Amino acid sequence: ALQRQVQQQLIQCGVRLEQLRANAVEQRGLSANAAATARRVLGQLPATFANTRELLRQEETLVRDTQQGLDAVVKITHGLDSLEEIHSMAVALECEQLALVQKAQELVVQTGR
């Protein structure tokens, strides 16, 4: 009976040892895959950094172009304000001119010409 119990324990130990070997092989495979993935990611980093630098350069260009556009809008707005002022002055001068023409006509009528 003791011999049978020892044999069963030896068989169980053998089964467990085989499971541990299989797990070790699987772990080595997973580790190799993880290492390959890490190498691939590390290999892609320079290109990723280069792309990031290019995107930052493009962003700087976009910001500069946007600022220039905003500056142009401000200048156009000031120009429109100036045109509005000129138009107002022209309307005022036209009103004064009409008033002077009316006074001149009144003077003509008064002097009998």
Foldseek 3Di string as FASTA:
>chain_A
DVVVVVVVVVVVVVVVVVVVVVVVVVVVVVVVVVVVVVVVVVVCVVVVVVVVVVVVVVVVVVVVVVVVVVVVVVVVVVVVVVVVVVVVVVVVVVVVVVVVVVVVVVVCVVVVD
